[in-house]
Amino acid sequence: MTNTIDRIISKSIPEPNTGCWLWEGYTIDGYGYASYKGKHWLVHRLIYKEFVASPDNFNVLHKCDQPSCINPEHLFLGTQQDNVDDMIRKGRQADRKGINNPNYRHGGRIEICID
């Protein structure tokens, strides 16, 4: 293990109930980011690369569904379709039908009743 990887791991804290290693460094949308060997990395991808294997062109997915988790035991490789299937299977997809869709436009007349 390199000093840089040790430093990156030191920026996480273990969560005893789930086993997650929660990243406390810089994040975007909950996912950790760090620089390593002159490149910017999603931290969970970097940790997977260093502890398991190179993710190459695959996504690194979370078994725990916690974007800030960097525990290599909680990470696995998959395609984008695997990621979508996992999201649907776990019921994490957004309800974007009808008025819950951000592009929804009411096409009819709106009546307001005031009592």
N, C-alpha and C. Protein backbone atom coordinates (compact mmCIF):
# COMPACT_ATOMS: atom_id res chain seq x y z
N MET A 1 0.86 -1.19 0.00
CA MET A 1 0.00 0.00 0.00
C MET A 1 0.89 1.24 0.00
N THR A 2 0.56 2.18 -0.84
CA THR A 2 1.36 3.40 -0.93
C THR A 2 0.94 4.39 0.14
N ASN A 3 1.82 5.33 0.41
CA ASN A 3 1.50 6.37 1.39
C ASN A 3 0.28 7.16 0.94
N THR A 4 0.14 7.39 -0.38
CA THR A 4 -1.00 8.15 -0.89
C THR A 4 -2.30 7.40 -0.62
N ILE A 5 -2.33 6.10 -0.87
CA ILE A 5 -3.53 5.30 -0.62
C ILE A 5 -3.84 5.29 0.88
N ASP A 6 -2.80 5.14 1.71
CA ASP A 6 -3.01 5.20 3.16
C ASP A 6 -3.62 6.54 3.56
N ARG A 7 -3.13 7.62 2.95
CA ARG A 7 -3.66 8.96 3.25
C ARG A 7 -5.12 9.07 2.82
N ILE A 8 -5.43 8.51 1.66
CA ILE A 8 -6.81 8.54 1.17
C ILE A 8 -7.71 7.76 2.11
N ILE A 9 -7.29 6.57 2.52
CA ILE A 9 -8.10 5.77 3.44
C ILE A 9 -8.27 6.49 4.77
N SER A 10 -7.25 7.23 5.20
CA SER A 10 -7.35 7.95 6.48
C SER A 10 -8.41 9.05 6.44
N LYS A 11 -8.88 9.42 5.24
CA LYS A 11 -9.93 10.43 5.12
C LYS A 11 -11.32 9.80 5.15
N SER A 12 -11.39 8.56 5.60
CA SER A 12 -12.69 7.90 5.75
C SER A 12 -12.85 7.46 7.20
N ILE A 13 -14.10 7.26 7.59
CA ILE A 13 -14.36 6.77 8.95
C ILE A 13 -15.21 5.50 8.83
N PRO A 14 -14.90 4.50 9.66
CA PRO A 14 -15.72 3.29 9.63
C PRO A 14 -17.08 3.54 10.27
N GLU A 15 -18.11 3.02 9.65
CA GLU A 15 -19.47 3.09 10.21
C GLU A 15 -19.76 1.70 10.76
N PRO A 16 -19.82 1.54 12.09
CA PRO A 16 -19.87 0.20 12.70
C PRO A 16 -21.14 -0.60 12.40
N ASN A 17 -22.25 0.05 12.11
CA ASN A 17 -23.50 -0.69 11.87
C ASN A 17 -23.56 -1.30 10.48
N THR A 18 -22.92 -0.67 9.51
CA THR A 18 -23.01 -1.14 8.13
C THR A 18 -21.70 -1.71 7.60
N GLY A 19 -20.59 -1.35 8.22
CA GLY A 19 -19.29 -1.75 7.71
C GLY A 19 -18.76 -0.82 6.64
N CYS A 20 -19.51 0.23 6.32
CA CYS A 20 -19.06 1.20 5.32
C CYS A 20 -17.85 1.96 5.84
N TRP A 21 -16.97 2.34 4.94
CA TRP A 21 -15.90 3.29 5.22
C TRP A 21 -16.36 4.58 4.55
N LEU A 22 -16.81 5.54 5.32
CA LEU A 22 -17.43 6.75 4.78
C LEU A 22 -16.38 7.82 4.49
N TRP A 23 -16.31 8.22 3.23
CA TRP A 23 -15.35 9.23 2.77
C TRP A 23 -15.73 10.58 3.34
N GLU A 24 -14.74 11.27 3.91
CA GLU A 24 -14.98 12.59 4.49
C GLU A 24 -14.27 13.71 3.74
N GLY A 25 -13.67 13.38 2.62
CA GLY A 25 -13.00 14.39 1.82
C GLY A 25 -13.97 15.05 0.86
N TYR A 26 -13.42 15.59 -0.21
CA TYR A 26 -14.19 16.32 -1.21
C TYR A 26 -15.18 15.38 -1.90
N THR A 27 -16.42 15.85 -2.09
CA THR A 27 -17.44 15.03 -2.75
C THR A 27 -18.22 15.86 -3.78
N ILE A 28 -18.77 15.15 -4.75
CA ILE A 28 -19.75 15.70 -5.68
C ILE A 28 -20.89 14.70 -5.72
N ASP A 29 -22.10 15.15 -5.42
CA ASP A 29 -23.28 14.28 -5.37
C ASP A 29 -23.07 13.07 -4.47
N GLY A 30 -22.30 13.25 -3.40
CA GLY A 30 -22.09 12.18 -2.42
C GLY A 30 -20.91 11.27 -2.72
N TYR A 31 -20.35 11.33 -3.93
CA TYR A 31 -19.22 10.49 -4.32
C TYR A 31 -17.92 11.21 -4.04
N GLY A 32 -16.96 10.50 -3.41
CA GLY A 32 -15.67 11.09 -3.08
C GLY A 32 -14.78 11.26 -4.29
N TYR A 33 -14.00 12.33 -4.29
CA TYR A 33 -13.02 12.61 -5.33
C TYR A 33 -11.68 12.88 -4.69
N ALA A 34 -10.61 12.41 -5.35
CA ALA A 34 -9.25 12.65 -4.87
C ALA A 34 -8.30 12.62 -6.06
N SER A 35 -7.13 13.22 -5.87
CA SER A 35 -6.08 13.16 -6.89
C SER A 35 -5.11 12.05 -6.52
N TYR A 36 -4.68 11.32 -7.54
CA TYR A 36 -3.73 10.23 -7.35
C TYR A 36 -2.90 10.11 -8.62
N LYS A 37 -1.59 10.25 -8.46
CA LYS A 37 -0.65 10.16 -9.57
C LYS A 37 -1.06 11.09 -10.73
N GLY A 38 -1.42 12.32 -10.38
CA GLY A 38 -1.72 13.33 -11.38
C GLY A 38 -3.08 13.21 -12.05
N LYS A 39 -3.93 12.33 -11.54
CA LYS A 39 -5.24 12.14 -12.14
C LYS A 39 -6.31 12.30 -11.07
N HIS A 40 -7.46 12.86 -11.46
CA HIS A 40 -8.59 12.96 -10.53
C HIS A 40 -9.40 11.67 -10.61
N TRP A 41 -9.73 11.13 -9.45
CA TRP A 41 -10.42 9.84 -9.36
C TRP A 41 -11.69 9.96 -8.53
N LEU A 42 -12.69 9.16 -8.90
CA LEU A 42 -13.75 8.85 -7.94
C LEU A 42 -13.09 7.90 -6.95
N VAL A 43 -13.15 8.20 -5.68
CA VAL A 43 -12.37 7.47 -4.69
C VAL A 43 -12.75 5.99 -4.65
N HIS A 44 -14.03 5.65 -4.79
CA HIS A 44 -14.39 4.24 -4.73
C HIS A 44 -13.78 3.47 -5.91
N ARG A 45 -13.63 4.10 -7.08
CA ARG A 45 -12.97 3.45 -8.22
C ARG A 45 -11.48 3.24 -7.93
N LEU A 46 -10.85 4.25 -7.34
CA LEU A 46 -9.43 4.15 -7.00
C LEU A 46 -9.20 3.04 -5.97
N ILE A 47 -10.03 3.00 -4.95
CA ILE A 47 -9.88 1.97 -3.92
C ILE A 47 -10.09 0.59 -4.52
N TYR A 48 -11.09 0.44 -5.39
CA TYR A 48 -11.31 -0.85 -6.05
C TYR A 48 -10.08 -1.24 -6.86
N LYS A 49 -9.53 -0.30 -7.60
CA LYS A 49 -8.33 -0.56 -8.41
C LYS A 49 -7.17 -1.01 -7.54
N GLU A 50 -6.96 -0.35 -6.43
CA GLU A 50 -5.81 -0.65 -5.57
C GLU A 50 -5.98 -1.93 -4.75
N PHE A 51 -7.21 -2.26 -4.35
CA PHE A 51 -7.44 -3.41 -3.47
C PHE A 51 -7.89 -4.66 -4.21
N VAL A 52 -8.57 -4.50 -5.36
CA VAL A 52 -9.17 -5.66 -6.03
C VAL A 52 -8.56 -5.85 -7.41
N ALA A 53 -8.93 -5.01 -8.35
CA ALA A 53 -8.44 -5.11 -9.72
C ALA A 53 -8.81 -3.84 -10.47
N SER A 54 -8.21 -3.64 -11.60
CA SER A 54 -8.53 -2.48 -12.43
C SER A 54 -9.96 -2.59 -12.95
N PRO A 55 -10.76 -1.53 -12.76
CA PRO A 55 -12.14 -1.60 -13.24
C PRO A 55 -12.26 -1.46 -14.75
N ASP A 56 -11.17 -1.06 -15.42
CA ASP A 56 -11.17 -0.86 -16.88
C ASP A 56 -12.39 -0.06 -17.31
N ASN A 57 -13.21 -0.60 -18.19
CA ASN A 57 -14.36 0.13 -18.71
C ASN A 57 -15.66 -0.18 -17.98
N PHE A 58 -15.56 -0.82 -16.83
CA PHE A 58 -16.75 -1.15 -16.06
C PHE A 58 -17.03 -0.08 -15.02
N ASN A 59 -18.28 -0.02 -14.57
CA ASN A 59 -18.64 0.82 -13.43
C ASN A 59 -18.24 0.09 -12.17
N VAL A 60 -17.93 0.84 -11.12
CA VAL A 60 -17.72 0.26 -9.79
C VAL A 60 -18.98 0.60 -9.00
N LEU A 61 -19.73 -0.44 -8.65
CA LEU A 61 -21.04 -0.29 -8.01
C LEU A 61 -20.92 -0.55 -6.51
N HIS A 62 -21.90 -0.04 -5.76
CA HIS A 62 -21.94 -0.20 -4.30
C HIS A 62 -23.00 -1.23 -3.91
N LYS A 63 -22.58 -2.28 -3.21
CA LYS A 63 -23.55 -3.23 -2.63
C LYS A 63 -24.39 -2.53 -1.57
N CYS A 64 -23.77 -1.58 -0.86
CA CYS A 64 -24.39 -0.90 0.27
C CYS A 64 -25.24 0.30 -0.14
N ASP A 65 -25.18 0.70 -1.39
CA ASP A 65 -25.93 1.86 -1.89
C ASP A 65 -25.56 3.17 -1.19
N GLN A 66 -24.35 3.24 -0.67
CA GLN A 66 -23.87 4.45 -0.01
C GLN A 66 -22.76 5.06 -0.89
N PRO A 67 -23.07 6.14 -1.62
CA PRO A 67 -22.07 6.71 -2.55
C PRO A 67 -20.74 7.06 -1.91
N SER A 68 -20.74 7.44 -0.64
CA SER A 68 -19.49 7.84 0.01
C SER A 68 -18.70 6.66 0.57
N CYS A 69 -19.21 5.44 0.45
CA CYS A 69 -18.51 4.27 0.98
C CYS A 69 -17.35 3.90 0.07
N ILE A 70 -16.17 3.65 0.69
CA ILE A 70 -15.00 3.23 -0.06
C ILE A 70 -14.48 1.88 0.42
N ASN A 71 -15.27 1.14 1.18
CA ASN A 71 -14.87 -0.19 1.64
C ASN A 71 -14.84 -1.11 0.42
N PRO A 72 -13.66 -1.67 0.08
CA PRO A 72 -13.58 -2.52 -1.12
C PRO A 72 -14.49 -3.74 -1.05
N GLU A 73 -14.85 -4.20 0.14
CA GLU A 73 -15.75 -5.34 0.27
C GLU A 73 -17.19 -4.97 -0.11
N HIS A 74 -17.49 -3.69 -0.18
CA HIS A 74 -18.83 -3.23 -0.55
C HIS A 74 -18.93 -2.86 -2.03
N LEU A 75 -17.85 -3.04 -2.77
CA LEU A 75 -17.79 -2.60 -4.16
C LEU A 75 -17.75 -3.80 -5.10
N PHE A 76 -18.35 -3.64 -6.29
CA PHE A 76 -18.29 -4.70 -7.30
C PHE A 76 -18.38 -4.08 -8.68
N LEU A 77 -17.90 -4.80 -9.67
CA LEU A 77 -17.91 -4.31 -11.04
C LEU A 77 -19.23 -4.63 -11.72
N GLY A 78 -19.64 -3.75 -12.61
CA GLY A 78 -20.84 -3.99 -13.39
C GLY A 78 -20.94 -3.02 -14.55
N THR A 79 -21.84 -3.31 -15.44
CA THR A 79 -22.11 -2.42 -16.57
C THR A 79 -23.11 -1.35 -16.13
N GLN A 80 -23.36 -0.39 -16.98
CA GLN A 80 -24.39 0.61 -16.68
C GLN A 80 -25.75 -0.07 -16.54
N GLN A 81 -26.00 -1.10 -17.38
CA GLN A 81 -27.27 -1.83 -17.28
C GLN A 81 -27.37 -2.56 -15.94
N ASP A 82 -26.25 -3.14 -15.46
CA ASP A 82 -26.24 -3.77 -14.14
C ASP A 82 -26.61 -2.75 -13.06
N ASN A 83 -26.09 -1.53 -13.20
CA ASN A 83 -26.36 -0.47 -12.23
C ASN A 83 -27.85 -0.12 -12.23
N VAL A 84 -28.44 0.01 -13.42
CA VAL A 84 -29.86 0.33 -13.54
C VAL A 84 -30.70 -0.82 -12.97
N ASP A 85 -30.36 -2.06 -13.32
CA ASP A 85 -31.10 -3.22 -12.82
C ASP A 85 -31.04 -3.30 -11.30
N ASP A 86 -29.85 -3.01 -10.72
CA ASP A 86 -29.68 -3.02 -9.26
C ASP A 86 -30.55 -1.94 -8.63
N MET A 87 -30.59 -0.77 -9.23
CA MET A 87 -31.41 0.34 -8.72
C MET A 87 -32.89 -0.05 -8.71
N ILE A 88 -33.36 -0.64 -9.80
CA ILE A 88 -34.77 -1.01 -9.89
C ILE A 88 -35.09 -2.13 -8.90
N ARG A 89 -34.22 -3.13 -8.84
CA ARG A 89 -34.44 -4.26 -7.92
C ARG A 89 -34.55 -3.79 -6.47
N LYS A 90 -33.79 -2.75 -6.12
CA LYS A 90 -33.79 -2.24 -4.74
C LYS A 90 -34.80 -1.11 -4.53
N GLY A 91 -35.56 -0.77 -5.56
CA GLY A 91 -36.58 0.26 -5.43
C GLY A 91 -36.04 1.65 -5.21
N ARG A 92 -34.88 1.96 -5.78
CA ARG A 92 -34.26 3.27 -5.59
C ARG A 92 -34.49 4.22 -6.74
N GLN A 93 -35.24 3.80 -7.76
CA GLN A 93 -35.47 4.71 -8.89
C GLN A 93 -36.45 5.80 -8.47
N ALA A 94 -36.26 6.95 -9.06
CA ALA A 94 -37.12 8.09 -8.75
C ALA A 94 -38.48 7.90 -9.40
N ASP A 95 -39.51 8.37 -8.72
CA ASP A 95 -40.85 8.37 -9.30
C ASP A 95 -40.96 9.61 -10.17
N ARG A 96 -40.84 9.42 -11.47
CA ARG A 96 -40.83 10.54 -12.40
C ARG A 96 -42.01 10.50 -13.35
N LYS A 97 -43.12 9.98 -12.88
CA LYS A 97 -44.33 9.91 -13.71
C LYS A 97 -45.27 11.05 -13.34
N GLY A 98 -45.95 11.57 -14.35
CA GLY A 98 -46.96 12.60 -14.09
C GLY A 98 -46.36 13.84 -13.48
N ILE A 99 -47.00 14.33 -12.42
CA ILE A 99 -46.56 15.60 -11.82
C ILE A 99 -45.21 15.49 -11.13
N ASN A 100 -44.69 14.27 -10.89
CA ASN A 100 -43.37 14.11 -10.29
C ASN A 100 -42.24 14.26 -11.30
N ASN A 101 -42.58 14.33 -12.57
CA ASN A 101 -41.59 14.51 -13.62
C ASN A 101 -41.22 15.99 -13.68
N PRO A 102 -39.91 16.31 -13.62
CA PRO A 102 -39.54 17.74 -13.65
C PRO A 102 -39.92 18.44 -14.95
N ASN A 103 -40.20 17.68 -16.00
CA ASN A 103 -40.62 18.29 -17.27
C ASN A 103 -42.14 18.34 -17.43
N TYR A 104 -42.85 17.98 -16.39
CA TYR A 104 -44.32 17.95 -16.45
C TYR A 104 -44.86 19.36 -16.69
N ARG A 105 -45.80 19.44 -17.61
CA ARG A 105 -46.50 20.70 -17.88
C ARG A 105 -47.98 20.41 -17.85
N HIS A 106 -48.71 21.13 -17.03
CA HIS A 106 -50.15 20.93 -16.95
C HIS A 106 -50.76 21.45 -18.23
N GLY A 107 -51.53 20.61 -18.91
CA GLY A 107 -52.06 21.00 -20.21
C GLY A 107 -53.45 21.59 -20.16
N GLY A 108 -54.09 21.52 -19.03
CA GLY A 108 -55.49 21.97 -18.96
C GLY A 108 -55.66 23.25 -18.16
N ARG A 109 -56.91 23.55 -17.93
CA ARG A 109 -57.27 24.74 -17.15
C ARG A 109 -57.12 24.43 -15.67
N ILE A 110 -56.57 25.33 -14.94
CA ILE A 110 -56.42 25.15 -13.50
C ILE A 110 -57.50 25.95 -12.79
N GLU A 111 -58.23 25.26 -11.93
CA GLU A 111 -59.25 25.93 -11.13
C GLU A 111 -58.82 25.91 -9.69
N ILE A 112 -58.98 27.02 -9.03
CA ILE A 112 -58.63 27.12 -7.63
C ILE A 112 -59.92 27.38 -6.87
N CYS A 113 -60.17 26.53 -5.90
CA CYS A 113 -61.36 26.70 -5.05
C CYS A 113 -60.91 27.23 -3.70
N ILE A 114 -61.48 28.34 -3.30
CA ILE A 114 -61.18 28.92 -1.99
C ILE A 114 -62.45 28.93 -1.19
N ASP A 115 -62.41 28.28 -0.05
CA ASP A 115 -63.60 28.23 0.82
C ASP A 115 -63.63 29.42 1.74
